[in-house]
Amino acid sequence: MSLLPPKFNLDVPRFDQTTYWGRAQQFFSTTSPLNCLATDAHLDAAKDTVDKYRLGELNHLTEDEIWAAKNLVDSAFHPDTGEKMFLPGRMSAQVPFNMTITGCMMTFYKTTPAVVFWQWVNQSFNALVNYTNRSGDTPIPLATLGSSYCAATGAALGTALGLNHLTKSMPPIAGRLVPFCAVAAANCLNIPLMRRLELQDGIMLETKEGELVGTSKIAAKEGIGMVTVSRIAMAMPGMVLIPLVMNKLDSQGLFKKYPKANAPLQIVLVGLILTFATPLCCAIFEQKASIKPTAVEQELQDKIKSMANPPEMLYYNKGL
């Protein structure tokens, strides 16, 4: 079989990643819940298609067919390690898993046992997602995973139970917003703790051409901060807007007439919002984040200056 050069570069995203809409289009493809339906055989076949296309084979396939395989690979395989990610930890699983967990958190928020159970479930899921989508250059030891998980769960429970106590004498809407406050507080702890080795040792920087330059703690702080903001923004629309809607419906007596409609309605509404919020919030920052050489550690700056062609910008995978 004669090999032909690939017609386009699969290492460059199909959509312009320097624009917000380009990144949003990319994430709409990779975070689609439909990707969860792909079997291991289907995923392996898609990866084989992408690998062969990079070698110059399969040029008989259309551009759309190649990109469909690439989007499936991006949704299931880690961008740094190339390993197939555990299904619940993939970004494509965010909507089906989070709609159920978030809907139940917002429904069962009044009693202590319910708060403890659903905050624990949520933090367990978050820990799994954070571990699965970590930067591939820095493995996370089990001790770090365990301590981060315990700290985030404690923060979520402390915030939820404390605010529940404070809001007892406040209007009902205040109590409905407690789950979001707990999730936001936990994210501020969970993500930095889960990835604290990157904060201690730095995250790998590379040039635009892919040449490894060195590790930077400053870049790690920036990347983890961006991920934290994105995660909180992802939760905000569903966990703030839906309580307002539910409070209005409750005041009109809907749930007195149909008490069993509360949880299913919230789960459906959360799913609808997350379908759009997940890709739109993942797209707030570029996946391959950039940092100027002058912004990193001095020793790294000195190394860059000694290079034959010092880069004007450095790049790193910020994680999800």
C-alpha atoms as a PDB file:
ATOM      1  CA  MET A   1       0.000   0.000   0.000  1.00  0.00           C
ATOM      2  CA  SER A   2       1.411   3.403  -0.940  1.00  0.00           C
ATOM      3  CA  LEU A   3       1.406   5.929   1.871  1.00  0.00           C
ATOM      4  CA  LEU A   4       0.276   9.495   1.260  1.00  0.00           C
ATOM      5  CA  PRO A   5       0.848  12.434   3.591  1.00  0.00           C
ATOM      6  CA  PRO A   6      -2.219  13.240   5.716  1.00  0.00           C
ATOM      7  CA  LYS A   7      -4.449  15.907   4.200  1.00  0.00           C
ATOM      8  CA  PHE A   8      -4.653  17.871   7.471  1.00  0.00           C
ATOM      9  CA  ASN A   9      -2.910  17.909  10.837  1.00  0.00           C
ATOM     10  CA  LEU A  10      -4.801  16.027  13.551  1.00  0.00           C
ATOM     11  CA  ASP A  11      -2.472  17.374  16.224  1.00  0.00           C
ATOM     12  CA  VAL A  12      -4.066  20.779  15.710  1.00  0.00           C
ATOM     13  CA  PRO A  13      -7.732  21.024  16.834  1.00  0.00           C
ATOM     14  CA  ARG A  14     -10.279  21.359  14.051  1.00  0.00           C
ATOM     15  CA  PHE A  15     -11.594  24.606  15.482  1.00  0.00           C
ATOM     16  CA  ASP A  16      -9.555  27.710  16.281  1.00  0.00           C
ATOM     17  CA  GLN A  17      -8.538  27.361  19.932  1.00  0.00           C
ATOM     18  CA  THR A  18      -7.512  31.000  20.241  1.00  0.00           C
ATOM     19  CA  THR A  19     -11.192  32.011  20.144  1.00  0.00           C
ATOM     20  CA  TYR A  20     -13.843  31.196  22.725  1.00  0.00           C
ATOM     21  CA  TRP A  21     -16.340  29.899  20.148  1.00  0.00           C
ATOM     22  CA  GLY A  22     -13.686  27.688  18.560  1.00  0.00           C
ATOM     23  CA  ARG A  23     -12.927  26.112  21.947  1.00  0.00           C
ATOM     24  CA  ALA A  24     -16.657  25.757  22.662  1.00  0.00           C
ATOM     25  CA  GLN A  25     -17.192  23.879  19.389  1.00  0.00           C
ATOM     26  CA  GLN A  26     -14.319  21.568  20.277  1.00  0.00           C
ATOM     27  CA  PHE A  27     -15.756  20.797  23.722  1.00  0.00           C
ATOM     28  CA  PHE A  28     -19.281  20.316  22.380  1.00  0.00           C
ATOM     29  CA  SER A  29     -17.789  17.450  20.362  1.00  0.00           C
ATOM     30  CA  THR A  30     -15.667  15.879  23.111  1.00  0.00           C
ATOM     31  CA  THR A  31     -18.062  16.368  26.065  1.00  0.00           C
ATOM     32  CA  SER A  32     -21.166  15.124  24.265  1.00  0.00           C
ATOM     33  CA  PRO A  33     -22.938  12.529  26.461  1.00  0.00           C
ATOM     34  CA  LEU A  34     -23.421  10.432  23.317  1.00  0.00           C
ATOM     35  CA  ASN A  35     -19.694   9.631  23.456  1.00  0.00           C
ATOM     36  CA  CYS A  36     -20.393   7.574  26.590  1.00  0.00           C
ATOM     37  CA  LEU A  37     -22.311   5.108  24.447  1.00  0.00           C
ATOM     38  CA  ALA A  38     -19.198   4.142  22.483  1.00  0.00           C
ATOM     39  CA  THR A  39     -17.964   0.647  23.328  1.00  0.00           C
ATOM     40  CA  ASP A  40     -14.304  -0.180  24.008  1.00  0.00           C
ATOM     41  CA  ALA A  41     -14.150  -1.804  20.576  1.00  0.00           C
ATOM     42  CA  HIS A  42     -15.534   1.357  18.977  1.00  0.00           C
ATOM     43  CA  LEU A  43     -13.020   3.525  20.863  1.00  0.00           C
ATOM     44  CA  ASP A  44     -10.111   1.287  19.933  1.00  0.00           C
ATOM     45  CA  ALA A  45     -11.211   1.333  16.295  1.00  0.00           C
ATOM     46  CA  ALA A  46     -11.362   5.141  16.370  1.00  0.00           C
ATOM     47  CA  LYS A  47      -7.862   5.310  17.862  1.00  0.00           C
ATOM     48  CA  ASP A  48      -6.594   2.896  15.219  1.00  0.00           C
ATOM     49  CA  THR A  49      -8.141   5.101  12.530  1.00  0.00           C
ATOM     50  CA  VAL A  50      -6.416   8.195  13.916  1.00  0.00           C
ATOM     51  CA  ASP A  51      -3.051   6.428  14.282  1.00  0.00           C
ATOM     52  CA  LYS A  52      -3.169   5.063  10.740  1.00  0.00           C
ATOM     53  CA  TYR A  53      -4.209   8.418   9.316  1.00  0.00           C
ATOM     54  CA  ARG A  54      -1.190  10.038  10.983  1.00  0.00           C
ATOM     55  CA  LEU A  55       1.007   7.485   9.204  1.00  0.00           C
ATOM     56  CA  GLY A  56      -0.444   8.539   5.862  1.00  0.00           C
ATOM     57  CA  GLU A  57      -2.926   5.697   5.485  1.00  0.00           C
ATOM     58  CA  LEU A  58      -6.740   5.797   5.180  1.00  0.00           C
ATOM     59  CA  ASN A  59      -6.724   8.828   2.915  1.00  0.00           C
ATOM     60  CA  HIS A  60      -9.861   7.439   1.293  1.00  0.00           C
ATOM     61  CA  LEU A  61     -11.890   8.564   4.325  1.00  0.00           C
ATOM     62  CA  THR A  62     -13.612  11.924   4.315  1.00  0.00           C
ATOM     63  CA  GLU A  63     -12.528  14.785   6.548  1.00  0.00           C
ATOM     64  CA  ASP A  64     -15.720  14.456   8.622  1.00  0.00           C
ATOM     65  CA  GLU A  65     -15.077  10.727   9.173  1.00  0.00           C
ATOM     66  CA  ILE A  66     -11.525  11.365  10.347  1.00  0.00           C
ATOM     67  CA  TRP A  67     -12.588  14.161  12.688  1.00  0.00           C
ATOM     68  CA  ALA A  68     -15.421  12.026  14.084  1.00  0.00           C
ATOM     69  CA  ALA A  69     -12.836   9.380  15.023  1.00  0.00           C
ATOM     70  CA  LYS A  70     -10.503  12.055  16.460  1.00  0.00           C
ATOM     71  CA  ASN A  71     -13.296  13.588  18.587  1.00  0.00           C
ATOM     72  CA  LEU A  72     -14.122  10.148  19.974  1.00  0.00           C
ATOM     73  CA  VAL A  73     -10.449   9.572  20.814  1.00  0.00           C
ATOM     74  CA  ASP A  74     -10.213  12.986  22.507  1.00  0.00           C
ATOM     75  CA  SER A  75     -13.298  12.201  24.590  1.00  0.00           C
ATOM     76  CA  ALA A  76     -11.957   8.920  25.948  1.00  0.00           C
ATOM     77  CA  PHE A  77      -8.135   8.987  25.900  1.00  0.00           C
ATOM     78  CA  HIS A  78      -5.944  11.177  28.096  1.00  0.00           C
ATOM     79  CA  PRO A  79      -4.224  13.897  25.998  1.00  0.00           C
ATOM     80  CA  ASP A  80      -0.831  13.431  27.708  1.00  0.00           C
ATOM     81  CA  THR A  81      -0.586   9.734  28.561  1.00  0.00           C
ATOM     82  CA  GLY A  82      -2.753   8.322  25.762  1.00  0.00           C
ATOM     83  CA  GLU A  83      -4.402   6.003  28.278  1.00  0.00           C
ATOM     84  CA  LYS A  84      -8.101   5.194  28.017  1.00  0.00           C
ATOM     85  CA  MET A  85      -9.810   7.084  30.840  1.00  0.00           C
ATOM     86  CA  PHE A  86     -12.234   5.485  33.299  1.00  0.00           C
ATOM     87  CA  LEU A  87     -15.745   6.175  31.960  1.00  0.00           C
ATOM     88  CA  PRO A  88     -17.202   8.141  34.932  1.00  0.00           C
ATOM     89  CA  GLY A  89     -14.120  10.377  34.942  1.00  0.00           C
ATOM     90  CA  ARG A  90     -14.411  11.447  31.313  1.00  0.00           C
ATOM     91  CA  MET A  91     -15.787  14.908  30.557  1.00  0.00           C
ATOM     92  CA  SER A  92     -18.398  13.262  28.308  1.00  0.00           C
ATOM     93  CA  ALA A  93     -19.811  11.613  31.457  1.00  0.00           C
ATOM     94  CA  GLN A  94     -20.247  14.924  33.265  1.00  0.00           C
ATOM     95  CA  VAL A  95     -23.840  15.476  32.165  1.00  0.00           C
ATOM     96  CA  PRO A  96     -25.378  12.045  32.957  1.00  0.00           C
ATOM     97  CA  PHE A  97     -23.552  11.671  36.284  1.00  0.00           C
ATOM     98  CA  ASN A  98     -23.712  15.278  37.454  1.00  0.00           C
ATOM     99  CA  MET A  99     -27.366  15.786  36.562  1.00  0.00           C
ATOM    100  CA  THR A 100     -28.322  12.967  38.906  1.00  0.00           C
ATOM    101  CA  ILE A 101     -25.991  13.945  41.752  1.00  0.00           C
ATOM    102  CA  THR A 102     -26.669  17.687  41.532  1.00  0.00           C
ATOM    103  CA  GLY A 103     -30.417  17.206  41.179  1.00  0.00           C
ATOM    104  CA  CYS A 104     -30.469  15.082  44.327  1.00  0.00           C
ATOM    105  CA  MET A 105     -28.251  17.525  46.239  1.00  0.00           C
ATOM    106  CA  MET A 106     -30.689  20.320  45.461  1.00  0.00           C
ATOM    107  CA  THR A 107     -33.717  18.195  46.307  1.00  0.00           C
ATOM    108  CA  PHE A 108     -32.563  16.572  49.538  1.00  0.00           C
ATOM    109  CA  TYR A 109     -30.865  19.483  51.305  1.00  0.00           C
ATOM    110  CA  LYS A 110     -33.022  19.900  54.405  1.00  0.00           C
ATOM    111  CA  THR A 111     -31.975  16.953  56.595  1.00  0.00           C
ATOM    112  CA  THR A 112     -28.482  16.257  57.913  1.00  0.00           C
ATOM    113  CA  PRO A 113     -28.301  12.593  56.743  1.00  0.00           C
ATOM    114  CA  ALA A 114     -29.341  13.596  53.216  1.00  0.00           C
ATOM    115  CA  VAL A 115     -26.823  16.459  53.108  1.00  0.00           C
ATOM    116  CA  VAL A 116     -24.011  14.203  54.334  1.00  0.00           C
ATOM    117  CA  PHE A 117     -24.830  11.429  51.853  1.00  0.00           C
ATOM    118  CA  TRP A 118     -25.183  13.541  48.711  1.00  0.00           C
ATOM    119  CA  GLN A 119     -22.217  15.814  49.461  1.00  0.00           C
ATOM    120  CA  TRP A 120     -20.137  12.676  50.004  1.00  0.00           C
ATOM    121  CA  VAL A 121     -21.344  11.205  46.693  1.00  0.00           C
ATOM    122  CA  ASN A 122     -20.593  14.488  44.909  1.00  0.00           C
ATOM    123  CA  GLN A 123     -17.079  14.802  46.311  1.00  0.00           C
ATOM    124  CA  SER A 124     -16.355  11.161  45.513  1.00  0.00           C
ATOM    125  CA  PHE A 125     -17.341  11.820  41.917  1.00  0.00           C
ATOM    126  CA  ASN A 126     -15.331  15.067  41.804  1.00  0.00           C
ATOM    127  CA  ALA A 127     -12.238  13.298  43.129  1.00  0.00           C
ATOM    128  CA  LEU A 128     -12.587  10.701  40.384  1.00  0.00           C
ATOM    129  CA  VAL A 129     -12.959  13.388  37.689  1.00  0.00           C
ATOM    130  CA  ASN A 130      -9.987  15.386  39.022  1.00  0.00           C
ATOM    131  CA  TYR A 131      -7.786  12.294  39.129  1.00  0.00           C
ATOM    132  CA  THR A 132      -8.820  11.162  35.655  1.00  0.00           C
ATOM    133  CA  ASN A 133      -8.227  14.601  34.090  1.00  0.00           C
ATOM    134  CA  ARG A 134      -5.008  15.482  35.902  1.00  0.00           C
ATOM    135  CA  SER A 135      -2.029  16.749  33.950  1.00  0.00           C
ATOM    136  CA  GLY A 136      -0.370  13.577  32.635  1.00  0.00           C
ATOM    137  CA  ASP A 137       3.187  14.623  33.492  1.00  0.00           C
ATOM    138  CA  THR A 138       2.546  14.395  37.237  1.00  0.00           C
ATOM    139  CA  PRO A 139       1.123  11.132  38.659  1.00  0.00           C
ATOM    140  CA  ILE A 140      -0.998  11.464  41.799  1.00  0.00           C
ATOM    141  CA  PRO A 141      -0.008   9.144  44.700  1.00  0.00           C
ATOM    142  CA  LEU A 142      -2.798   7.398  46.594  1.00  0.00           C
ATOM    143  CA  ALA A 143      -1.881   9.323  49.769  1.00  0.00           C
ATOM    144  CA  THR A 144      -2.433  12.626  47.968  1.00  0.00           C
ATOM    145  CA  LEU A 145      -5.669  11.341  46.478  1.00  0.00           C
ATOM    146  CA  GLY A 146      -6.966  10.245  49.889  1.00  0.00           C
ATOM    147  CA  SER A 147      -6.023  13.403  51.792  1.00  0.00           C
ATOM    148  CA  SER A 148      -7.441  15.681  49.077  1.00  0.00           C
ATOM    149  CA  TYR A 149     -10.662  13.696  49.000  1.00  0.00           C
ATOM    150  CA  CYS A 150     -11.071  13.878  52.785  1.00  0.00           C
ATOM    151  CA  ALA A 151     -10.322  17.610  52.885  1.00  0.00           C
ATOM    152  CA  ALA A 152     -12.763  18.434  50.092  1.00  0.00           C
ATOM    153  CA  THR A 153     -15.496  16.247  51.569  1.00  0.00           C
ATOM    154  CA  GLY A 154     -14.962  17.897  54.955  1.00  0.00           C
ATOM    155  CA  ALA A 155     -15.128  21.361  53.389  1.00  0.00           C
ATOM    156  CA  ALA A 156     -18.330  20.528  51.514  1.00  0.00           C
ATOM    157  CA  LEU A 157     -20.008  19.019  54.571  1.00  0.00           C
ATOM    158  CA  GLY A 158     -18.880  21.827  56.875  1.00  0.00           C
ATOM    159  CA  THR A 159     -20.117  24.495  54.466  1.00  0.00           C
ATOM    160  CA  ALA A 160     -23.429  22.744  53.760  1.00  0.00           C
ATOM    161  CA  LEU A 161     -24.275  21.914  57.370  1.00  0.00           C
ATOM    162  CA  GLY A 162     -23.099  25.301  58.651  1.00  0.00           C
ATOM    163  CA  LEU A 163     -25.069  27.270  56.078  1.00  0.00           C
ATOM    164  CA  ASN A 164     -28.128  25.058  56.569  1.00  0.00           C
ATOM    165  CA  HIS A 165     -28.062  26.032  60.236  1.00  0.00           C
ATOM    166  CA  LEU A 166     -27.633  29.731  59.439  1.00  0.00           C
ATOM    167  CA  THR A 167     -30.382  29.817  56.813  1.00  0.00           C
ATOM    168  CA  LYS A 168     -33.099  28.174  58.913  1.00  0.00           C
ATOM    169  CA  SER A 169     -34.599  31.554  59.769  1.00  0.00           C
ATOM    170  CA  MET A 170     -34.066  32.984  56.279  1.00  0.00           C
ATOM    171  CA  PRO A 171     -36.352  32.828  53.214  1.00  0.00           C
ATOM    172  CA  PRO A 172     -36.538  29.357  51.588  1.00  0.00           C
ATOM    173  CA  ILE A 173     -34.435  30.434  48.599  1.00  0.00           C
ATOM    174  CA  ALA A 174     -31.412  30.867  50.883  1.00  0.00           C
ATOM    175  CA  GLY A 175     -31.526  27.209  51.858  1.00  0.00           C
ATOM    176  CA  ARG A 176     -31.851  26.133  48.229  1.00  0.00           C
ATOM    177  CA  LEU A 177     -28.573  27.911  47.379  1.00  0.00           C
ATOM    178  CA  VAL A 178     -26.591  26.126  50.112  1.00  0.00           C
ATOM    179  CA  PRO A 179     -25.597  23.149  47.870  1.00  0.00           C
ATOM    180  CA  PHE A 180     -23.910  25.512  45.388  1.00  0.00           C
ATOM    181  CA  CYS A 181     -21.947  27.245  48.144  1.00  0.00           C
ATOM    182  CA  ALA A 182     -20.790  23.850  49.411  1.00  0.00           C
ATOM    183  CA  VAL A 183     -19.725  22.723  45.932  1.00  0.00           C
ATOM    184  CA  ALA A 184     -17.825  25.975  45.295  1.00  0.00           C
ATOM    185  CA  ALA A 185     -15.998  25.745  48.644  1.00  0.00           C
ATOM    186  CA  ALA A 186     -15.068  22.108  48.034  1.00  0.00           C
ATOM    187  CA  ASN A 187     -13.747  22.821  44.532  1.00  0.00           C
ATOM    188  CA  CYS A 188     -11.472  25.537  45.907  1.00  0.00           C
ATOM    189  CA  LEU A 189      -9.853  22.876  48.111  1.00  0.00           C
ATOM    190  CA  ASN A 190     -10.239  19.666  46.146  1.00  0.00           C
ATOM    191  CA  ILE A 191      -8.548  20.637  42.892  1.00  0.00           C
ATOM    192  CA  PRO A 192      -5.423  22.318  44.379  1.00  0.00           C
ATOM    193  CA  LEU A 193      -5.007  19.513  46.924  1.00  0.00           C
ATOM    194  CA  MET A 194      -5.507  16.798  44.334  1.00  0.00           C
ATOM    195  CA  ARG A 195      -2.830  18.354  42.152  1.00  0.00           C
ATOM    196  CA  ARG A 196      -0.519  19.624  44.868  1.00  0.00           C
ATOM    197  CA  LEU A 197       2.449  17.710  43.470  1.00  0.00           C
ATOM    198  CA  GLU A 198       2.234  20.014  40.466  1.00  0.00           C
ATOM    199  CA  LEU A 199       2.299  22.967  42.868  1.00  0.00           C
ATOM    200  CA  GLN A 200       5.335  21.479  44.617  1.00  0.00           C
ATOM    201  CA  ASP A 201       7.316  20.244  41.609  1.00  0.00           C
ATOM    202  CA  GLY A 202       5.883  22.315  38.757  1.00  0.00           C
ATOM    203  CA  ILE A 203       4.116  21.499  35.501  1.00  0.00           C
ATOM    204  CA  MET A 204       5.968  20.691  32.279  1.00  0.00           C
ATOM    205  CA  LEU A 205       6.317  23.540  29.790  1.00  0.00           C
ATOM    206  CA  GLU A 206       7.004  23.114  26.093  1.00  0.00           C
ATOM    207  CA  THR A 207       7.499  25.232  23.018  1.00  0.00           C
ATOM    208  CA  LYS A 208       4.944  25.540  20.220  1.00  0.00           C
ATOM    209  CA  GLU A 209       6.857  22.818  18.367  1.00  0.00           C
ATOM    210  CA  GLY A 210       6.578  20.460  21.368  1.00  0.00           C
ATOM    211  CA  GLU A 211      10.141  20.762  22.689  1.00  0.00           C
ATOM    212  CA  LEU A 212      10.184  20.238  26.458  1.00  0.00           C
ATOM    213  CA  VAL A 213      11.670  23.210  28.321  1.00  0.00           C
ATOM    214  CA  GLY A 214      11.266  22.452  32.032  1.00  0.00           C
ATOM    215  CA  THR A 215       8.800  22.509  34.919  1.00  0.00           C
ATOM    216  CA  SER A 216       7.242  25.621  36.442  1.00  0.00           C
ATOM    217  CA  LYS A 217       5.383  26.028  39.728  1.00  0.00           C
ATOM    218  CA  ILE A 218       4.074  29.403  38.578  1.00  0.00           C
ATOM    219  CA  ALA A 219       2.419  27.818  35.522  1.00  0.00           C
ATOM    220  CA  ALA A 220       0.982  25.074  37.742  1.00  0.00           C
ATOM    221  CA  LYS A 221      -0.695  27.685  39.965  1.00  0.00           C
ATOM    222  CA  GLU A 222      -2.174  29.425  36.934  1.00  0.00           C
ATOM    223  CA  GLY A 223      -3.427  26.190  35.384  1.00  0.00           C
ATOM    224  CA  ILE A 224      -5.017  24.882  38.580  1.00  0.00           C
ATOM    225  CA  GLY A 225      -6.637  28.266  39.185  1.00  0.00           C
ATOM    226  CA  MET A 226      -8.180  28.206  35.710  1.00  0.00           C
ATOM    227  CA  VAL A 227      -9.539  24.684  36.235  1.00  0.00           C
ATOM    228  CA  THR A 228     -11.070  25.703  39.578  1.00  0.00           C
ATOM    229  CA  VAL A 229     -12.807  28.724  38.041  1.00  0.00           C
ATOM    230  CA  SER A 230     -14.146  26.588  35.172  1.00  0.00           C
ATOM    231  CA  ARG A 231     -15.525  23.926  37.529  1.00  0.00           C
ATOM    232  CA  ILE A 232     -17.329  26.489  39.698  1.00  0.00           C
ATOM    233  CA  ALA A 233     -18.683  28.251  36.605  1.00  0.00           C
ATOM    234  CA  MET A 234     -19.888  24.874  35.288  1.00  0.00           C
ATOM    235  CA  ALA A 235     -21.920  24.277  38.441  1.00  0.00           C
ATOM    236  CA  MET A 236     -23.267  27.816  38.808  1.00  0.00           C
ATOM    237  CA  PRO A 237     -26.027  27.989  36.126  1.00  0.00           C
ATOM    238  CA  GLY A 238     -27.805  24.834  37.274  1.00  0.00           C
ATOM    239  CA  MET A 239     -27.269  25.276  40.998  1.00  0.00           C
ATOM    240  CA  VAL A 240     -28.276  28.962  41.069  1.00  0.00           C
ATOM    241  CA  LEU A 241     -30.943  29.323  38.382  1.00  0.00           C
ATOM    242  CA  ILE A 242     -32.828  26.108  39.137  1.00  0.00           C
ATOM    243  CA  PRO A 243     -33.318  26.918  42.852  1.00  0.00           C
ATOM    244  CA  LEU A 244     -34.910  30.207  41.766  1.00  0.00           C
ATOM    245  CA  VAL A 245     -37.302  28.331  39.462  1.00  0.00           C
ATOM    246  CA  MET A 246     -38.042  25.639  42.038  1.00  0.00           C
ATOM    247  CA  ASN A 247     -38.658  28.202  44.764  1.00  0.00           C
ATOM    248  CA  LYS A 248     -41.183  29.957  42.527  1.00  0.00           C
ATOM    249  CA  LEU A 249     -42.958  26.691  41.691  1.00  0.00           C
ATOM    250  CA  ASP A 250     -42.947  25.693  45.367  1.00  0.00           C
ATOM    251  CA  SER A 251     -44.525  29.000  46.383  1.00  0.00           C
ATOM    252  CA  GLN A 252     -47.323  28.327  43.896  1.00  0.00           C
ATOM    253  CA  GLY A 253     -48.049  24.976  45.545  1.00  0.00           C
ATOM    254  CA  LEU A 254     -46.902  22.724  42.695  1.00  0.00           C
ATOM    255  CA  PHE A 255     -44.965  20.318  44.934  1.00  0.00           C
ATOM    256  CA  LYS A 256     -47.746  20.068  47.472  1.00  0.00           C
ATOM    257  CA  LYS A 257     -49.954  18.820  44.673  1.00  0.00           C
ATOM    258  CA  TYR A 258     -47.214  16.699  43.014  1.00  0.00           C
ATOM    259  CA  PRO A 259     -44.604  15.972  45.729  1.00  0.00           C
ATOM    260  CA  LYS A 260     -42.883  13.233  43.718  1.00  0.00           C
ATOM    261  CA  ALA A 261     -42.159  15.651  40.860  1.00  0.00           C
ATOM    262  CA  ASN A 262     -39.499  17.559  42.810  1.00  0.00           C
ATOM    263  CA  ALA A 263     -36.419  15.369  42.249  1.00  0.00           C
ATOM    264  CA  PRO A 264     -37.181  14.256  38.649  1.00  0.00           C
ATOM    265  CA  LEU A 265     -37.872  17.827  37.561  1.00  0.00           C
ATOM    266  CA  GLN A 266     -34.622  19.129  39.053  1.00  0.00           C
ATOM    267  CA  ILE A 267     -32.592  16.282  37.551  1.00  0.00           C
ATOM    268  CA  VAL A 268     -34.024  16.936  34.076  1.00  0.00           C
ATOM    269  CA  LEU A 269     -33.434  20.696  34.366  1.00  0.00           C
ATOM    270  CA  VAL A 270     -29.870  20.161  35.570  1.00  0.00           C
ATOM    271  CA  GLY A 271     -29.216  17.772  32.679  1.00  0.00           C
ATOM    272  CA  LEU A 272     -30.534  20.306  30.172  1.00  0.00           C
ATOM    273  CA  ILE A 273     -28.385  23.110  31.582  1.00  0.00           C
ATOM    274  CA  LEU A 274     -25.243  20.973  31.971  1.00  0.00           C
ATOM    275  CA  THR A 275     -25.468  19.869  28.340  1.00  0.00           C
ATOM    276  CA  PHE A 276     -24.577  23.455  27.436  1.00  0.00           C
ATOM    277  CA  ALA A 277     -22.762  24.622  30.592  1.00  0.00           C
ATOM    278  CA  THR A 278     -20.167  21.823  30.497  1.00  0.00           C
ATOM    279  CA  PRO A 279     -18.655  22.626  27.068  1.00  0.00           C
ATOM    280  CA  LEU A 280     -19.188  26.377  27.393  1.00  0.00           C
ATOM    281  CA  CYS A 281     -17.387  26.523  30.744  1.00  0.00           C
ATOM    282  CA  CYS A 282     -14.627  24.109  29.722  1.00  0.00           C
ATOM    283  CA  ALA A 283     -13.976  26.553  26.870  1.00  0.00           C
ATOM    284  CA  ILE A 284     -13.397  29.582  29.107  1.00  0.00           C
ATOM    285  CA  PHE A 285      -9.642  28.926  29.017  1.00  0.00           C
ATOM    286  CA  GLU A 286      -7.479  27.247  26.375  1.00  0.00           C
ATOM    287  CA  GLN A 287      -6.673  23.593  27.082  1.00  0.00           C
ATOM    288  CA  LYS A 288      -3.077  24.188  26.011  1.00  0.00           C
ATOM    289  CA  ALA A 289      -2.563  27.195  28.241  1.00  0.00           C
ATOM    290  CA  SER A 290       0.221  29.645  27.478  1.00  0.00           C
ATOM    291  CA  ILE A 291       2.611  31.626  29.627  1.00  0.00           C
ATOM    292  CA  LYS A 292       5.303  34.122  28.721  1.00  0.00           C
ATOM    293  CA  PRO A 293       8.919  33.064  29.433  1.00  0.00           C
ATOM    294  CA  THR A 294       9.350  36.253  31.445  1.00  0.00           C
ATOM    295  CA  ALA A 295       6.590  35.119  33.832  1.00  0.00           C
ATOM    296  CA  VAL A 296       8.206  31.836  34.923  1.00  0.00           C
ATOM    297  CA  GLU A 297      10.941  31.127  37.496  1.00  0.00           C
ATOM    298  CA  GLN A 298      14.286  32.877  37.043  1.00  0.00           C
ATOM    299  CA  GLU A 299      16.259  29.651  36.587  1.00  0.00           C
ATOM    300  CA  LEU A 300      13.869  28.634  33.815  1.00  0.00           C
ATOM    301  CA  GLN A 301      14.199  32.064  32.222  1.00  0.00           C
ATOM    302  CA  ASP A 302      17.983  31.645  32.180  1.00  0.00           C
ATOM    303  CA  LYS A 303      17.632  28.237  30.523  1.00  0.00           C
ATOM    304  CA  ILE A 304      15.317  29.679  27.869  1.00  0.00           C
ATOM    305  CA  LYS A 305      17.720  32.533  27.104  1.00  0.00           C
ATOM    306  CA  SER A 306      20.484  30.002  26.450  1.00  0.00           C
ATOM    307  CA  MET A 307      18.413  28.175  23.811  1.00  0.00           C
ATOM    308  CA  ALA A 308      19.354  28.575  20.139  1.00  0.00           C
ATOM    309  CA  ASN A 309      15.924  29.998  19.324  1.00  0.00           C
ATOM    310  CA  PRO A 310      14.299  31.216  22.571  1.00  0.00           C
ATOM    311  CA  PRO A 311      10.497  30.868  22.320  1.00  0.00           C
ATOM    312  CA  GLU A 312       8.267  33.887  22.760  1.00  0.00           C
ATOM    313  CA  MET A 313       5.584  31.772  24.454  1.00  0.00           C
ATOM    314  CA  LEU A 314       5.508  28.509  26.404  1.00  0.00           C
ATOM    315  CA  TYR A 315       2.617  26.039  26.613  1.00  0.00           C
ATOM    316  CA  TYR A 316       1.300  23.429  29.053  1.00  0.00           C
ATOM    317  CA  ASN A 317      -1.754  21.223  29.500  1.00  0.00           C
ATOM    318  CA  LYS A 318      -3.768  22.849  32.283  1.00  0.00           C
ATOM    319  CA  GLY A 319      -5.913  19.723  32.812  1.00  0.00           C
ATOM    320  CA  LEU A 320      -9.688  19.690  33.158  1.00  0.00           C
END
